[in-house]
Each structure stands twice: as C-alpha cells, then as structure tokens.
Amino acid sequence: SMLNTKQNGRQFDRKAYWEHCLAAAVAAKILAKVTQPFLGEQMYCMGMLHDIGLLVLDRFCPDAMDAAIRAAEKHGTMLCEAERAQINSDHAHLGGILATKWGFGSEFSKAIVSHHQSSGWEPNDKRGPILALANILAHQAGYQNQTPGLDYEIPEGLLQLVGVPDEQLESILEVVKAEVDKATSSMALLAA
C-alpha cells in the first residue's frame, strides 16, 4: 500500500510523504482562496502532486533516494540538494516532467519544478509562488516529509509576491494542522 512506511529497510517514509503533500495541498488552497480564488482547486491538486518526483525516485532509484535522505539528514540540507548530488537531478524536476507527460499544462508543470525556489518566477506567475509558500508552510506546520528538523524560513518578498499578510500565517498553519490531523485519523480508522 502507498501508506506503508518504511519497507525493506529503506529510508523513504511514505506516511510522512503523504502527510506533507496533504499539508501543502491544504495550504495552497487556502493561499489561493485568499489571493486568487479561481485557482483554489487547482492549487490543491498541485499541492498533492508537488513532490510526486519523490515517489519516482523511491520506486526507480531506491538506493540513490536512500543515500540522498541520509546525506540530507547528516548535513542538514534540503533533500533536493542531496538528490542533485546523487543523481544530477531532483524530485521537483522529475515531478515537472511527469506533470507535462500527464498533460497538466505548462503552468502546473512550472509550479512543480519551482516549488523550492525562493525567487525568479515570471511576473504573471501566481501558481509557482503560491506552491512554494505552501510547501514552506507544510514544513513549518511540522509535516517535513523526509527531512525532519530542517528550519524552513519564508524568503524575503514571498509573502508580498503571493499577497498574504504575515498576520494570517498562524491561522493558515492551524487549519493545515487540523485538516492533516483529521485526514490522518480517518485513514487510521480505515486501516483498523
């Protein structure tokens, strides 16, 4: 099952993966509802799929994925940096390729590719900055995926670019935590 945690002694934690993706999806939808209401559902989907490249790496390059997770933990770096050192690419790039192959459109693919960027989006791009901020908020809410303990700061200017006041962040984080907890509880009931 996709929710199984560590199988065969491998490092990739599927439960942490799905919790993080759900947290990013909820945050992305909230951010969109506040700033770009017509993008709410699409941003939710982007949040659920933003790390899909990790599943590809875990499935097809499990040894490299495990080595990247260990290196990220050891050196306190972001997983995408450790992936680039291992395979000369990262999950964001692979996720963008998948999104393109699946026909999600260039804006969707670009947002997935850029979800670890702190700047450099095209002037009219609303999806990339929203997804990047949602990813950071998911980490700040405690859903840190494969690299627990990393401190994810919001880059200067990102809140302004997205159009969300700093005062709303705490409320957004509370909703994200409540929604992930609710989903986790529901899944636990299904597994019982």
C-alpha atoms as a PDB file:
ATOM      1  CA  SER A   1       0.000   0.000   0.000  1.00  0.00           C
ATOM      2  CA  MET A   2       1.106   3.586  -0.660  1.00  0.00           C
ATOM      3  CA  LEU A   3       0.677   4.451   3.020  1.00  0.00           C
ATOM      4  CA  ASN A   4       3.076   1.833   4.323  1.00  0.00           C
ATOM      5  CA  THR A   5       6.002   3.493   5.991  1.00  0.00           C
ATOM      6  CA  LYS A   6       9.489   2.045   5.644  1.00  0.00           C
ATOM      7  CA  GLN A   7       9.541  -1.164   3.606  1.00  0.00           C
ATOM      8  CA  ASN A   8      12.578  -3.386   3.199  1.00  0.00           C
ATOM      9  CA  GLY A   9      14.654  -1.186   5.494  1.00  0.00           C
ATOM     10  CA  ARG A  10      14.565   1.720   3.067  1.00  0.00           C
ATOM     11  CA  GLN A  11      14.699   5.333   4.226  1.00  0.00           C
ATOM     12  CA  PHE A  12      11.657   6.722   2.393  1.00  0.00           C
ATOM     13  CA  ASP A  13       8.735   7.298   4.767  1.00  0.00           C
ATOM     14  CA  ARG A  14       5.502   7.151   2.751  1.00  0.00           C
ATOM     15  CA  LYS A  15       3.279   8.287   5.617  1.00  0.00           C
ATOM     16  CA  ALA A  16       5.423  11.393   6.118  1.00  0.00           C
ATOM     17  CA  TYR A  17       5.327  11.934   2.355  1.00  0.00           C
ATOM     18  CA  TRP A  18       1.522  11.872   2.141  1.00  0.00           C
ATOM     19  CA  GLU A  19       1.060  13.994   5.264  1.00  0.00           C
ATOM     20  CA  HIS A  20       3.406  16.620   3.827  1.00  0.00           C
ATOM     21  CA  CYS A  21       1.636  16.602   0.445  1.00  0.00           C
ATOM     22  CA  LEU A  22      -1.758  16.948   2.106  1.00  0.00           C
ATOM     23  CA  ALA A  23      -0.459  19.814   4.272  1.00  0.00           C
ATOM     24  CA  ALA A  24       0.935  21.564   1.190  1.00  0.00           C
ATOM     25  CA  ALA A  25      -2.354  20.997  -0.669  1.00  0.00           C
ATOM     26  CA  VAL A  26      -4.430  22.490   2.142  1.00  0.00           C
ATOM     27  CA  ALA A  27      -2.053  25.451   2.478  1.00  0.00           C
ATOM     28  CA  ALA A  28      -2.019  26.012  -1.305  1.00  0.00           C
ATOM     29  CA  LYS A  29      -5.807  26.008  -1.474  1.00  0.00           C
ATOM     30  CA  ILE A  30      -6.093  28.474   1.421  1.00  0.00           C
ATOM     31  CA  LEU A  31      -3.448  30.782  -0.065  1.00  0.00           C
ATOM     32  CA  ALA A  32      -5.224  30.692  -3.419  1.00  0.00           C
ATOM     33  CA  LYS A  33      -8.631  31.349  -1.848  1.00  0.00           C
ATOM     34  CA  VAL A  34      -7.176  34.454  -0.165  1.00  0.00           C
ATOM     35  CA  THR A  35      -5.314  35.769  -3.208  1.00  0.00           C
ATOM     36  CA  GLN A  36      -6.513  34.018  -6.405  1.00  0.00           C
ATOM     37  CA  PRO A  37      -9.899  32.396  -5.620  1.00  0.00           C
ATOM     38  CA  PHE A  38     -10.325  30.882  -9.096  1.00  0.00           C
ATOM     39  CA  LEU A  39      -7.119  28.842  -8.550  1.00  0.00           C
ATOM     40  CA  GLY A  40      -8.174  27.161  -5.283  1.00  0.00           C
ATOM     41  CA  GLU A  41      -8.916  23.654  -6.529  1.00  0.00           C
ATOM     42  CA  GLN A  42      -6.015  23.628  -8.989  1.00  0.00           C
ATOM     43  CA  MET A  43      -3.622  24.717  -6.243  1.00  0.00           C
ATOM     44  CA  TYR A  44      -4.925  21.919  -4.015  1.00  0.00           C
ATOM     45  CA  CYS A  45      -4.092  19.415  -6.775  1.00  0.00           C
ATOM     46  CA  MET A  46      -0.653  20.977  -7.226  1.00  0.00           C
ATOM     47  CA  GLY A  47      -0.018  20.682  -3.509  1.00  0.00           C
ATOM     48  CA  MET A  48      -0.950  16.987  -3.549  1.00  0.00           C
ATOM     49  CA  LEU A  49       1.350  16.345  -6.514  1.00  0.00           C
ATOM     50  CA  HIS A  50       4.221  18.780  -5.904  1.00  0.00           C
ATOM     51  CA  ASP A  51       6.539  16.060  -4.559  1.00  0.00           C
ATOM     52  CA  ILE A  52       5.467  13.280  -6.946  1.00  0.00           C
ATOM     53  CA  GLY A  53       9.069  13.076  -8.161  1.00  0.00           C
ATOM     54  CA  LEU A  54       9.980  11.608  -4.762  1.00  0.00           C
ATOM     55  CA  LEU A  55       7.776   8.596  -5.469  1.00  0.00           C
ATOM     56  CA  VAL A  56       9.520   8.155  -8.818  1.00  0.00           C
ATOM     57  CA  LEU A  57      12.936   8.286  -7.161  1.00  0.00           C
ATOM     58  CA  ASP A  58      11.877   5.902  -4.412  1.00  0.00           C
ATOM     59  CA  ARG A  59      10.434   3.434  -6.924  1.00  0.00           C
ATOM     60  CA  PHE A  60      13.103   3.535  -9.627  1.00  0.00           C
ATOM     61  CA  CYS A  61      16.252   4.719  -7.801  1.00  0.00           C
ATOM     62  CA  PRO A  62      15.736   3.488  -4.230  1.00  0.00           C
ATOM     63  CA  ASP A  63      19.441   3.277  -3.378  1.00  0.00           C
ATOM     64  CA  ALA A  64      20.089   6.826  -4.603  1.00  0.00           C
ATOM     65  CA  MET A  65      16.960   8.020  -2.781  1.00  0.00           C
ATOM     66  CA  ASP A  66      18.104   6.394   0.450  1.00  0.00           C
ATOM     67  CA  ALA A  67      21.580   7.907   0.059  1.00  0.00           C
ATOM     68  CA  ALA A  68      20.076  11.351  -0.588  1.00  0.00           C
ATOM     69  CA  ILE A  69      17.860  11.115   2.516  1.00  0.00           C
ATOM     70  CA  ARG A  70      20.824  10.048   4.660  1.00  0.00           C
ATOM     71  CA  ALA A  71      23.004  12.845   3.223  1.00  0.00           C
ATOM     72  CA  ALA A  72      20.301  15.474   3.781  1.00  0.00           C
ATOM     73  CA  GLU A  73      19.882  14.337   7.394  1.00  0.00           C
ATOM     74  CA  LYS A  74      23.643  14.172   8.011  1.00  0.00           C
ATOM     75  CA  HIS A  75      24.427  17.588   6.522  1.00  0.00           C
ATOM     76  CA  GLY A  76      21.188  19.364   7.465  1.00  0.00           C
ATOM     77  CA  THR A  77      20.427  20.284   3.854  1.00  0.00           C
ATOM     78  CA  MET A  78      17.288  20.244   1.786  1.00  0.00           C
ATOM     79  CA  LEU A  79      16.562  16.889   0.194  1.00  0.00           C
ATOM     80  CA  CYS A  80      16.542  18.338  -3.342  1.00  0.00           C
ATOM     81  CA  GLU A  81      20.180  19.437  -2.870  1.00  0.00           C
ATOM     82  CA  ALA A  82      21.175  15.935  -1.782  1.00  0.00           C
ATOM     83  CA  GLU A  83      19.258  14.449  -4.725  1.00  0.00           C
ATOM     84  CA  ARG A  84      21.180  16.637  -7.175  1.00  0.00           C
ATOM     85  CA  ALA A  85      24.430  15.398  -5.661  1.00  0.00           C
ATOM     86  CA  GLN A  86      23.283  11.773  -6.038  1.00  0.00           C
ATOM     87  CA  ILE A  87      21.574  11.724  -9.441  1.00  0.00           C
ATOM     88  CA  ASN A  88      22.251  15.118 -11.032  1.00  0.00           C
ATOM     89  CA  SER A  89      18.538  15.963 -10.869  1.00  0.00           C
ATOM     90  CA  ASP A  90      15.879  16.338  -8.189  1.00  0.00           C
ATOM     91  CA  HIS A  91      12.298  15.418  -7.393  1.00  0.00           C
ATOM     92  CA  ALA A  92      10.958  18.825  -8.441  1.00  0.00           C
ATOM     93  CA  HIS A  93      12.404  18.476 -11.937  1.00  0.00           C
ATOM     94  CA  LEU A  94      11.157  14.874 -12.234  1.00  0.00           C
ATOM     95  CA  GLY A  95       7.721  15.921 -10.972  1.00  0.00           C
ATOM     96  CA  GLY A  96       7.573  18.638 -13.612  1.00  0.00           C
ATOM     97  CA  ILE A  97       8.367  16.084 -16.313  1.00  0.00           C
ATOM     98  CA  LEU A  98       5.567  13.825 -15.044  1.00  0.00           C
ATOM     99  CA  ALA A  99       3.078  16.703 -14.895  1.00  0.00           C
ATOM    100  CA  THR A 100       3.917  17.542 -18.514  1.00  0.00           C
ATOM    101  CA  LYS A 101       3.629  13.885 -19.604  1.00  0.00           C
ATOM    102  CA  TRP A 102       0.254  13.632 -17.865  1.00  0.00           C
ATOM    103  CA  GLY A 103      -0.986  16.722 -19.725  1.00  0.00           C
ATOM    104  CA  PHE A 104      -1.454  19.034 -16.745  1.00  0.00           C
ATOM    105  CA  GLY A 105      -0.212  22.040 -18.702  1.00  0.00           C
ATOM    106  CA  SER A 106       2.886  24.181 -18.573  1.00  0.00           C
ATOM    107  CA  GLU A 107       1.780  26.382 -15.650  1.00  0.00           C
ATOM    108  CA  PHE A 108       1.151  23.314 -13.496  1.00  0.00           C
ATOM    109  CA  SER A 109       4.487  21.763 -14.508  1.00  0.00           C
ATOM    110  CA  LYS A 110       6.423  25.010 -13.931  1.00  0.00           C
ATOM    111  CA  ALA A 111       4.941  25.361 -10.445  1.00  0.00           C
ATOM    112  CA  ILE A 112       6.023  21.841  -9.501  1.00  0.00           C
ATOM    113  CA  VAL A 113       9.529  22.413 -10.900  1.00  0.00           C
ATOM    114  CA  SER A 114       9.875  25.697  -8.981  1.00  0.00           C
ATOM    115  CA  HIS A 115       8.396  24.738  -5.608  1.00  0.00           C
ATOM    116  CA  HIS A 116      11.808  25.005  -3.904  1.00  0.00           C
ATOM    117  CA  GLN A 117      12.688  28.371  -5.462  1.00  0.00           C
ATOM    118  CA  SER A 118      12.760  31.488  -3.325  1.00  0.00           C
ATOM    119  CA  SER A 119      12.517  33.926  -6.249  1.00  0.00           C
ATOM    120  CA  GLY A 120      12.792  34.169 -10.026  1.00  0.00           C
ATOM    121  CA  TRP A 121       9.228  33.441 -11.117  1.00  0.00           C
ATOM    122  CA  GLU A 122       7.799  35.038 -14.224  1.00  0.00           C
ATOM    123  CA  PRO A 123       5.934  38.302 -13.430  1.00  0.00           C
ATOM    124  CA  ASN A 124       2.435  36.877 -14.072  1.00  0.00           C
ATOM    125  CA  ASP A 125       3.100  33.525 -12.417  1.00  0.00           C
ATOM    126  CA  LYS A 126       0.824  33.175  -9.391  1.00  0.00           C
ATOM    127  CA  ARG A 127       0.952  29.383  -9.102  1.00  0.00           C
ATOM    128  CA  GLY A 128       4.714  28.991  -8.558  1.00  0.00           C
ATOM    129  CA  PRO A 129       4.957  31.402  -5.616  1.00  0.00           C
ATOM    130  CA  ILE A 130       1.763  30.048  -4.015  1.00  0.00           C
ATOM    131  CA  LEU A 131       3.035  26.466  -4.255  1.00  0.00           C
ATOM    132  CA  ALA A 132       6.484  27.431  -2.929  1.00  0.00           C
ATOM    133  CA  LEU A 133       4.910  29.189   0.070  1.00  0.00           C
ATOM    134  CA  ALA A 134       2.510  26.265   0.640  1.00  0.00           C
ATOM    135  CA  ASN A 135       5.463  23.859   0.680  1.00  0.00           C
ATOM    136  CA  ILE A 136       7.255  26.003   3.271  1.00  0.00           C
ATOM    137  CA  LEU A 137       4.107  26.290   5.397  1.00  0.00           C
ATOM    138  CA  ALA A 138       3.659  22.492   5.293  1.00  0.00           C
ATOM    139  CA  HIS A 139       7.197  22.154   6.651  1.00  0.00           C
ATOM    140  CA  GLN A 140       6.574  24.844   9.279  1.00  0.00           C
ATOM    141  CA  ALA A 141       3.392  23.044  10.356  1.00  0.00           C
ATOM    142  CA  GLY A 142       5.557  20.030  11.194  1.00  0.00           C
ATOM    143  CA  TYR A 143       4.962  17.929   8.079  1.00  0.00           C
ATOM    144  CA  GLN A 144       8.564  17.834   6.996  1.00  0.00           C
ATOM    145  CA  ASN A 145       8.474  14.838   4.694  1.00  0.00           C
ATOM    146  CA  GLN A 146      11.861  13.087   4.523  1.00  0.00           C
ATOM    147  CA  THR A 147      13.976  15.725   6.301  1.00  0.00           C
ATOM    148  CA  PRO A 148      12.699  16.374   9.820  1.00  0.00           C
ATOM    149  CA  GLY A 149      14.428  19.074  11.786  1.00  0.00           C
ATOM    150  CA  LEU A 150      15.199  21.437   8.919  1.00  0.00           C
ATOM    151  CA  ASP A 151      14.227  25.038   9.527  1.00  0.00           C
ATOM    152  CA  TYR A 152      12.191  26.320   6.577  1.00  0.00           C
ATOM    153  CA  GLU A 153      12.101  30.110   6.540  1.00  0.00           C
ATOM    154  CA  ILE A 154       9.878  32.149   4.259  1.00  0.00           C
ATOM    155  CA  PRO A 155      12.172  34.010   1.848  1.00  0.00           C
ATOM    156  CA  GLU A 156      12.001  37.779   1.903  1.00  0.00           C
ATOM    157  CA  GLY A 157       9.404  39.078  -0.504  1.00  0.00           C
ATOM    158  CA  LEU A 158       7.497  35.798  -0.969  1.00  0.00           C
ATOM    159  CA  LEU A 159       4.541  36.811   1.223  1.00  0.00           C
ATOM    160  CA  GLN A 160       4.230  40.064  -0.697  1.00  0.00           C
ATOM    161  CA  LEU A 161       4.507  38.242  -4.030  1.00  0.00           C
ATOM    162  CA  VAL A 162       1.738  35.839  -3.039  1.00  0.00           C
ATOM    163  CA  GLY A 163      -0.290  38.643  -1.450  1.00  0.00           C
ATOM    164  CA  VAL A 164      -0.801  37.152   2.007  1.00  0.00           C
ATOM    165  CA  PRO A 165      -0.400  39.295   5.119  1.00  0.00           C
ATOM    166  CA  ASP A 166       2.002  37.934   7.732  1.00  0.00           C
ATOM    167  CA  GLU A 167      -0.801  38.127  10.312  1.00  0.00           C
ATOM    168  CA  GLN A 168      -2.730  35.363   8.516  1.00  0.00           C
ATOM    169  CA  LEU A 169       0.059  32.768   8.628  1.00  0.00           C
ATOM    170  CA  GLU A 170      -0.716  31.465  12.117  1.00  0.00           C
ATOM    171  CA  SER A 171      -4.364  30.881  11.212  1.00  0.00           C
ATOM    172  CA  ILE A 172      -3.347  29.128   7.993  1.00  0.00           C
ATOM    173  CA  LEU A 173      -0.948  26.870   9.912  1.00  0.00           C
ATOM    174  CA  GLU A 174      -3.697  25.986  12.414  1.00  0.00           C
ATOM    175  CA  VAL A 175      -6.097  24.989   9.616  1.00  0.00           C
ATOM    176  CA  VAL A 176      -3.376  22.951   7.893  1.00  0.00           C
ATOM    177  CA  LYS A 177      -2.633  21.033  11.102  1.00  0.00           C
ATOM    178  CA  ALA A 178      -6.326  20.425  11.804  1.00  0.00           C
ATOM    179  CA  GLU A 179      -7.004  19.148   8.272  1.00  0.00           C
ATOM    180  CA  VAL A 180      -3.998  16.808   8.222  1.00  0.00           C
ATOM    181  CA  ASP A 181      -4.873  15.505  11.704  1.00  0.00           C
ATOM    182  CA  LYS A 182      -8.455  14.882  10.580  1.00  0.00           C
ATOM    183  CA  ALA A 183      -7.306  13.011   7.466  1.00  0.00           C
ATOM    184  CA  THR A 184      -4.727  11.010   9.430  1.00  0.00           C
ATOM    185  CA  SER A 185      -7.386   9.989  11.943  1.00  0.00           C
ATOM    186  CA  SER A 186      -9.744   8.960   9.133  1.00  0.00           C
ATOM    187  CA  MET A 187      -7.027   6.884   7.475  1.00  0.00           C
ATOM    188  CA  ALA A 188      -6.189   5.222  10.785  1.00  0.00           C
ATOM    189  CA  LEU A 189      -9.834   4.221  11.156  1.00  0.00           C
ATOM    190  CA  LEU A 190      -9.825   2.753   7.654  1.00  0.00           C
ATOM    191  CA  ALA A 191      -6.673   0.773   8.391  1.00  0.00           C
ATOM    192  CA  ALA A 192      -8.062  -0.618  11.654  1.00  0.00           C
END
